[in-house]
Amino acid sequence: MNPRAVENYILKKYYEHLMSEDSLLKDIHTRKTLHGGGTRYARADKELIRPLKIMSATAEVRLEDVKNYRIEEFAVVINKIATEFIIEVHKMMFESVGKITEFTGNVVNAAGKPFSVDMFLDMMEKIEITFNDAGEAIMPSIVAGPELVEKIKKTKFSKEQRDRQKKIMEAKKKTFYAKKCYRRLSYLD
């Protein structure tokens, strides 16, 4: 391998390691795809085209550090680049999620009001919820800041709100099973 390829390989491995340790990105499954464009989201009456974003970085390593095998200096540079890439991935991900949820109409605008159970239930009505084979809901992840997470944990449901949540979940379950396009009349194990 030439020196440039070795540097790219080391940087790629370190970046992958940092991504796997990141609290937000470690649970997101990714795959590499070579293509020339962005992503197109279409509905019957409109479409959203998200162009492919390109990320790049420049690493500056002093010649004397390379000549004297100062690995620590090289590691600091690699760490800085990988950390900057992760920050950019976070920004791109949140921007994309915002644009896509706005496009699909899955936005609940608090209009400056504090978090409430009713607002949470309004959000539940808008999102798609799937169910496992046992009929249990597979709830999507909620990404929020630490303050909001604490508020959500401390929030109590009233009897009426619990009843509303139950009705929402029953409707989601009916919709989920109605979308399944098969019936299992019999099967062999």
C-alpha atoms as a PDB file:
ATOM      1  CA  MET A   1       0.000   0.000   0.000  1.00  0.00           C
ATOM      2  CA  ASN A   2       1.170   3.512  -0.693  1.00  0.00           C
ATOM      3  CA  PRO A   3       1.437   5.949   2.230  1.00  0.00           C
ATOM      4  CA  ARG A   4      -1.738   7.831   1.235  1.00  0.00           C
ATOM      5  CA  ALA A   5      -3.746   4.596   1.173  1.00  0.00           C
ATOM      6  CA  VAL A   6      -2.393   3.648   4.607  1.00  0.00           C
ATOM      7  CA  GLU A   7      -3.390   7.058   6.008  1.00  0.00           C
ATOM      8  CA  ASN A   8      -6.881   6.740   4.516  1.00  0.00           C
ATOM      9  CA  TYR A   9      -7.228   3.209   5.911  1.00  0.00           C
ATOM     10  CA  ILE A  10      -6.175   4.301   9.418  1.00  0.00           C
ATOM     11  CA  LEU A  11      -8.499   7.302   9.321  1.00  0.00           C
ATOM     12  CA  LYS A  12     -11.407   5.163   8.075  1.00  0.00           C
ATOM     13  CA  LYS A  13     -10.913   2.574  10.843  1.00  0.00           C
ATOM     14  CA  TYR A  14     -10.631   5.217  13.547  1.00  0.00           C
ATOM     15  CA  TYR A  15     -13.721   7.030  12.228  1.00  0.00           C
ATOM     16  CA  GLU A  16     -15.684   3.750  12.232  1.00  0.00           C
ATOM     17  CA  HIS A  17     -14.582   3.145  15.826  1.00  0.00           C
ATOM     18  CA  LEU A  18     -15.707   6.603  16.960  1.00  0.00           C
ATOM     19  CA  MET A  19     -19.037   6.197  15.116  1.00  0.00           C
ATOM     20  CA  SER A  20     -19.614   2.874  16.894  1.00  0.00           C
ATOM     21  CA  GLU A  21     -19.012   4.569  20.258  1.00  0.00           C
ATOM     22  CA  ASP A  22     -21.259   7.571  19.534  1.00  0.00           C
ATOM     23  CA  SER A  23     -24.446   7.443  21.636  1.00  0.00           C
ATOM     24  CA  LEU A  24     -26.637   8.638  18.778  1.00  0.00           C
ATOM     25  CA  LEU A  25     -25.079   6.996  15.729  1.00  0.00           C
ATOM     26  CA  LYS A  26     -24.109   3.567  17.078  1.00  0.00           C
ATOM     27  CA  ASP A  27     -27.647   2.166  16.760  1.00  0.00           C
ATOM     28  CA  ILE A  28     -28.218   3.430  13.212  1.00  0.00           C
ATOM     29  CA  HIS A  29     -27.516   0.770  10.635  1.00  0.00           C
ATOM     30  CA  THR A  30     -25.736   2.055   7.556  1.00  0.00           C
ATOM     31  CA  ARG A  31     -24.707   0.693   4.232  1.00  0.00           C
ATOM     32  CA  LYS A  32     -22.479   1.941   1.474  1.00  0.00           C
ATOM     33  CA  THR A  33     -24.032   2.625  -1.875  1.00  0.00           C
ATOM     34  CA  LEU A  34     -22.289   4.065  -4.885  1.00  0.00           C
ATOM     35  CA  HIS A  35     -24.610   6.355  -6.803  1.00  0.00           C
ATOM     36  CA  GLY A  36     -24.487   9.715  -8.432  1.00  0.00           C
ATOM     37  CA  GLY A  37     -27.279  11.557  -6.698  1.00  0.00           C
ATOM     38  CA  GLY A  38     -29.238  12.180  -3.575  1.00  0.00           C
ATOM     39  CA  THR A  39     -32.501  10.702  -2.352  1.00  0.00           C
ATOM     40  CA  ARG A  40     -35.986  11.227  -3.786  1.00  0.00           C
ATOM     41  CA  TYR A  41     -39.092  10.982  -1.605  1.00  0.00           C
ATOM     42  CA  ALA A  42     -42.402  10.914  -3.460  1.00  0.00           C
ATOM     43  CA  ARG A  43     -46.044  11.099  -2.511  1.00  0.00           C
ATOM     44  CA  ALA A  44     -49.037  11.207  -4.813  1.00  0.00           C
ATOM     45  CA  ASP A  45     -49.073  15.000  -4.985  1.00  0.00           C
ATOM     46  CA  LYS A  46     -45.491  16.098  -4.267  1.00  0.00           C
ATOM     47  CA  GLU A  47     -41.846  15.066  -4.074  1.00  0.00           C
ATOM     48  CA  LEU A  48     -38.767  15.976  -2.085  1.00  0.00           C
ATOM     49  CA  ILE A  49     -35.293  15.624  -3.539  1.00  0.00           C
ATOM     50  CA  ARG A  50     -32.398  15.626  -1.087  1.00  0.00           C
ATOM     51  CA  PRO A  51     -29.100  16.111  -2.923  1.00  0.00           C
ATOM     52  CA  LEU A  52     -26.125  13.983  -1.981  1.00  0.00           C
ATOM     53  CA  LYS A  53     -23.950  15.846   0.500  1.00  0.00           C
ATOM     54  CA  ILE A  54     -20.200  15.584   0.219  1.00  0.00           C
ATOM     55  CA  MET A  55     -17.943  15.717   3.253  1.00  0.00           C
ATOM     56  CA  SER A  56     -14.222  16.339   3.087  1.00  0.00           C
ATOM     57  CA  ALA A  57     -11.396  17.165   5.436  1.00  0.00           C
ATOM     58  CA  THR A  58      -7.776  18.181   5.298  1.00  0.00           C
ATOM     59  CA  ALA A  59      -5.228  16.883   7.752  1.00  0.00           C
ATOM     60  CA  GLU A  60      -2.067  18.797   8.442  1.00  0.00           C
ATOM     61  CA  VAL A  61       0.761  16.809   9.969  1.00  0.00           C
ATOM     62  CA  ARG A  62       4.139  18.422  10.508  1.00  0.00           C
ATOM     63  CA  LEU A  63       7.012  16.833   8.602  1.00  0.00           C
ATOM     64  CA  GLU A  64       9.168  16.661  11.750  1.00  0.00           C
ATOM     65  CA  ASP A  65       6.406  14.689  13.527  1.00  0.00           C
ATOM     66  CA  VAL A  66       6.391  12.162  10.688  1.00  0.00           C
ATOM     67  CA  LYS A  67      10.214  11.948  10.560  1.00  0.00           C
ATOM     68  CA  ASN A  68      10.455  11.464  14.325  1.00  0.00           C
ATOM     69  CA  TYR A  69       7.569   8.958  14.501  1.00  0.00           C
ATOM     70  CA  ARG A  70       5.501  11.096  16.861  1.00  0.00           C
ATOM     71  CA  ILE A  71       2.446   8.855  16.757  1.00  0.00           C
ATOM     72  CA  GLU A  72       0.697  10.878  19.460  1.00  0.00           C
ATOM     73  CA  GLU A  73       0.663  13.969  17.230  1.00  0.00           C
ATOM     74  CA  PHE A  74      -0.689  11.930  14.314  1.00  0.00           C
ATOM     75  CA  ALA A  75      -3.375  10.415  16.585  1.00  0.00           C
ATOM     76  CA  VAL A  76      -4.485  13.888  17.702  1.00  0.00           C
ATOM     77  CA  VAL A  77      -4.914  14.931  14.057  1.00  0.00           C
ATOM     78  CA  ILE A  78      -6.884  11.777  13.227  1.00  0.00           C
ATOM     79  CA  ASN A  79      -9.079  12.217  16.307  1.00  0.00           C
ATOM     80  CA  LYS A  80      -9.815  15.824  15.345  1.00  0.00           C
ATOM     81  CA  ILE A  81     -10.807  14.880  11.786  1.00  0.00           C
ATOM     82  CA  ALA A  82     -12.958  11.936  12.868  1.00  0.00           C
ATOM     83  CA  THR A  83     -14.706  14.032  15.522  1.00  0.00           C
ATOM     84  CA  GLU A  84     -15.419  16.777  12.978  1.00  0.00           C
ATOM     85  CA  PHE A  85     -16.878  14.173  10.610  1.00  0.00           C
ATOM     86  CA  ILE A  86     -19.173  12.842  13.343  1.00  0.00           C
ATOM     87  CA  ILE A  87     -20.388  16.368  14.100  1.00  0.00           C
ATOM     88  CA  GLU A  88     -21.132  16.874  10.394  1.00  0.00           C
ATOM     89  CA  VAL A  89     -22.987  13.532  10.216  1.00  0.00           C
ATOM     90  CA  HIS A  90     -25.132  14.629  13.194  1.00  0.00           C
ATOM     91  CA  LYS A  91     -25.952  17.941  11.489  1.00  0.00           C
ATOM     92  CA  MET A  92     -26.786  16.255   8.175  1.00  0.00           C
ATOM     93  CA  MET A  93     -28.930  13.616   9.879  1.00  0.00           C
ATOM     94  CA  PHE A  94     -30.984  16.132  11.880  1.00  0.00           C
ATOM     95  CA  GLU A  95     -31.410  18.362   8.825  1.00  0.00           C
ATOM     96  CA  SER A  96     -32.623  15.388   6.763  1.00  0.00           C
ATOM     97  CA  VAL A  97     -34.972  14.145   9.471  1.00  0.00           C
ATOM     98  CA  GLY A  98     -36.431  17.642   9.795  1.00  0.00           C
ATOM     99  CA  LYS A  99     -36.996  18.026   6.052  1.00  0.00           C
ATOM    100  CA  ILE A 100     -38.478  14.535   5.657  1.00  0.00           C
ATOM    101  CA  THR A 101     -40.852  14.805   8.632  1.00  0.00           C
ATOM    102  CA  GLU A 102     -41.991  18.196   7.354  1.00  0.00           C
ATOM    103  CA  PHE A 103     -42.531  16.668   3.884  1.00  0.00           C
ATOM    104  CA  THR A 104     -44.567  13.749   5.244  1.00  0.00           C
ATOM    105  CA  GLY A 105     -46.614  15.970   7.542  1.00  0.00           C
ATOM    106  CA  ASN A 106     -45.399  14.203  10.691  1.00  0.00           C
ATOM    107  CA  VAL A 107     -44.587  17.479  12.436  1.00  0.00           C
ATOM    108  CA  VAL A 108     -46.119  18.577  15.710  1.00  0.00           C
ATOM    109  CA  ASN A 109     -45.349  22.225  16.347  1.00  0.00           C
ATOM    110  CA  ALA A 110     -45.318  23.109  20.028  1.00  0.00           C
ATOM    111  CA  ALA A 111     -45.392  26.824  19.118  1.00  0.00           C
ATOM    112  CA  GLY A 112     -43.311  27.624  22.182  1.00  0.00           C
ATOM    113  CA  LYS A 113     -45.506  25.702  24.605  1.00  0.00           C
ATOM    114  CA  PRO A 114     -43.879  23.357  27.123  1.00  0.00           C
ATOM    115  CA  PHE A 115     -44.025  19.589  26.569  1.00  0.00           C
ATOM    116  CA  SER A 116     -47.331  17.962  27.489  1.00  0.00           C
ATOM    117  CA  VAL A 117     -48.893  14.511  27.309  1.00  0.00           C
ATOM    118  CA  ASP A 118     -51.495  15.796  24.835  1.00  0.00           C
ATOM    119  CA  MET A 119     -48.709  17.038  22.552  1.00  0.00           C
ATOM    120  CA  PHE A 120     -47.061  13.610  22.813  1.00  0.00           C
ATOM    121  CA  LEU A 121     -50.360  11.905  21.939  1.00  0.00           C
ATOM    122  CA  ASP A 122     -50.823  14.259  18.965  1.00  0.00           C
ATOM    123  CA  MET A 123     -47.395  13.127  17.776  1.00  0.00           C
ATOM    124  CA  MET A 124     -48.323   9.448  18.264  1.00  0.00           C
ATOM    125  CA  GLU A 125     -51.352   9.933  16.019  1.00  0.00           C
ATOM    126  CA  LYS A 126     -49.113  11.144  13.186  1.00  0.00           C
ATOM    127  CA  ILE A 127     -46.354   8.515  13.228  1.00  0.00           C
ATOM    128  CA  GLU A 128     -46.398   4.976  11.895  1.00  0.00           C
ATOM    129  CA  ILE A 129     -46.128   2.277  14.551  1.00  0.00           C
ATOM    130  CA  THR A 130     -45.361  -1.350  13.760  1.00  0.00           C
ATOM    131  CA  PHE A 131     -46.075  -4.444  15.823  1.00  0.00           C
ATOM    132  CA  ASN A 132     -44.179  -7.682  16.424  1.00  0.00           C
ATOM    133  CA  ASP A 133     -45.577 -11.202  16.027  1.00  0.00           C
ATOM    134  CA  ALA A 134     -46.946 -11.088  19.579  1.00  0.00           C
ATOM    135  CA  GLY A 135     -48.919  -7.935  18.752  1.00  0.00           C
ATOM    136  CA  GLU A 136     -46.704  -5.684  20.888  1.00  0.00           C
ATOM    137  CA  ALA A 137     -45.942  -2.199  19.598  1.00  0.00           C
ATOM    138  CA  ILE A 138     -42.437  -1.497  18.316  1.00  0.00           C
ATOM    139  CA  MET A 139     -42.171   2.153  19.190  1.00  0.00           C
ATOM    140  CA  PRO A 140     -39.842   4.406  17.207  1.00  0.00           C
ATOM    141  CA  SER A 141     -36.958   6.114  18.966  1.00  0.00           C
ATOM    142  CA  ILE A 142     -37.434   9.610  20.293  1.00  0.00           C
ATOM    143  CA  VAL A 143     -34.453  11.911  19.903  1.00  0.00           C
ATOM    144  CA  ALA A 144     -34.537  14.824  22.329  1.00  0.00           C
ATOM    145  CA  GLY A 145     -32.266  16.979  24.408  1.00  0.00           C
ATOM    146  CA  PRO A 146     -31.466  15.991  28.008  1.00  0.00           C
ATOM    147  CA  GLU A 147     -33.903  18.509  29.534  1.00  0.00           C
ATOM    148  CA  LEU A 148     -36.817  17.256  27.447  1.00  0.00           C
ATOM    149  CA  VAL A 149     -35.936  13.622  28.193  1.00  0.00           C
ATOM    150  CA  GLU A 150     -36.175  14.389  31.917  1.00  0.00           C
ATOM    151  CA  LYS A 151     -39.532  16.141  31.426  1.00  0.00           C
ATOM    152  CA  ILE A 152     -40.858  13.165  29.467  1.00  0.00           C
ATOM    153  CA  LYS A 153     -39.746  10.746  32.204  1.00  0.00           C
ATOM    154  CA  LYS A 154     -41.474  12.818  34.906  1.00  0.00           C
ATOM    155  CA  THR A 155     -44.723  13.352  32.989  1.00  0.00           C
ATOM    156  CA  LYS A 156     -47.817  11.603  34.363  1.00  0.00           C
ATOM    157  CA  PHE A 157     -50.802  10.522  32.256  1.00  0.00           C
ATOM    158  CA  SER A 158     -54.344  11.251  33.423  1.00  0.00           C
ATOM    159  CA  LYS A 159     -57.077   8.599  33.059  1.00  0.00           C
ATOM    160  CA  GLU A 160     -58.436  10.386  29.968  1.00  0.00           C
ATOM    161  CA  GLN A 161     -54.970  10.572  28.412  1.00  0.00           C
ATOM    162  CA  ARG A 162     -54.377   6.846  29.064  1.00  0.00           C
ATOM    163  CA  ASP A 163     -57.730   6.085  27.387  1.00  0.00           C
ATOM    164  CA  ARG A 164     -56.780   8.280  24.419  1.00  0.00           C
ATOM    165  CA  GLN A 165     -53.394   6.539  24.155  1.00  0.00           C
ATOM    166  CA  LYS A 166     -55.117   3.145  24.211  1.00  0.00           C
ATOM    167  CA  LYS A 167     -57.499   4.195  21.399  1.00  0.00           C
ATOM    168  CA  ILE A 168     -54.584   5.516  19.341  1.00  0.00           C
ATOM    169  CA  MET A 169     -52.666   2.250  19.765  1.00  0.00           C
ATOM    170  CA  GLU A 170     -55.734   0.163  18.841  1.00  0.00           C
ATOM    171  CA  ALA A 171     -56.215   2.226  15.673  1.00  0.00           C
ATOM    172  CA  LYS A 172     -52.488   1.906  14.831  1.00  0.00           C
ATOM    173  CA  LYS A 173     -52.666  -1.866  15.314  1.00  0.00           C
ATOM    174  CA  LYS A 174     -55.726  -2.147  13.047  1.00  0.00           C
ATOM    175  CA  THR A 175     -54.000  -0.063  10.381  1.00  0.00           C
ATOM    176  CA  PHE A 176     -50.798  -2.109  10.662  1.00  0.00           C
ATOM    177  CA  TYR A 177     -52.575  -5.448  10.227  1.00  0.00           C
ATOM    178  CA  ALA A 178     -54.814  -4.080   7.452  1.00  0.00           C
ATOM    179  CA  LYS A 179     -51.678  -3.191   5.467  1.00  0.00           C
ATOM    180  CA  LYS A 180     -50.396  -6.772   5.651  1.00  0.00           C
ATOM    181  CA  CYS A 181     -51.195  -8.243   2.284  1.00  0.00           C
ATOM    182  CA  TYR A 182     -51.291 -11.906   3.175  1.00  0.00           C
ATOM    183  CA  ARG A 183     -53.356 -14.362   5.179  1.00  0.00           C
ATOM    184  CA  ARG A 184     -51.964 -17.486   6.735  1.00  0.00           C
ATOM    185  CA  LEU A 185     -54.737 -20.041   6.411  1.00  0.00           C
ATOM    186  CA  SER A 186     -52.389 -22.888   7.158  1.00  0.00           C
ATOM    187  CA  TYR A 187     -48.692 -23.495   7.293  1.00  0.00           C
ATOM    188  CA  LEU A 188     -46.147 -26.216   7.994  1.00  0.00           C
ATOM    189  CA  ASP A 189     -43.474 -25.869  10.650  1.00  0.00           C
END
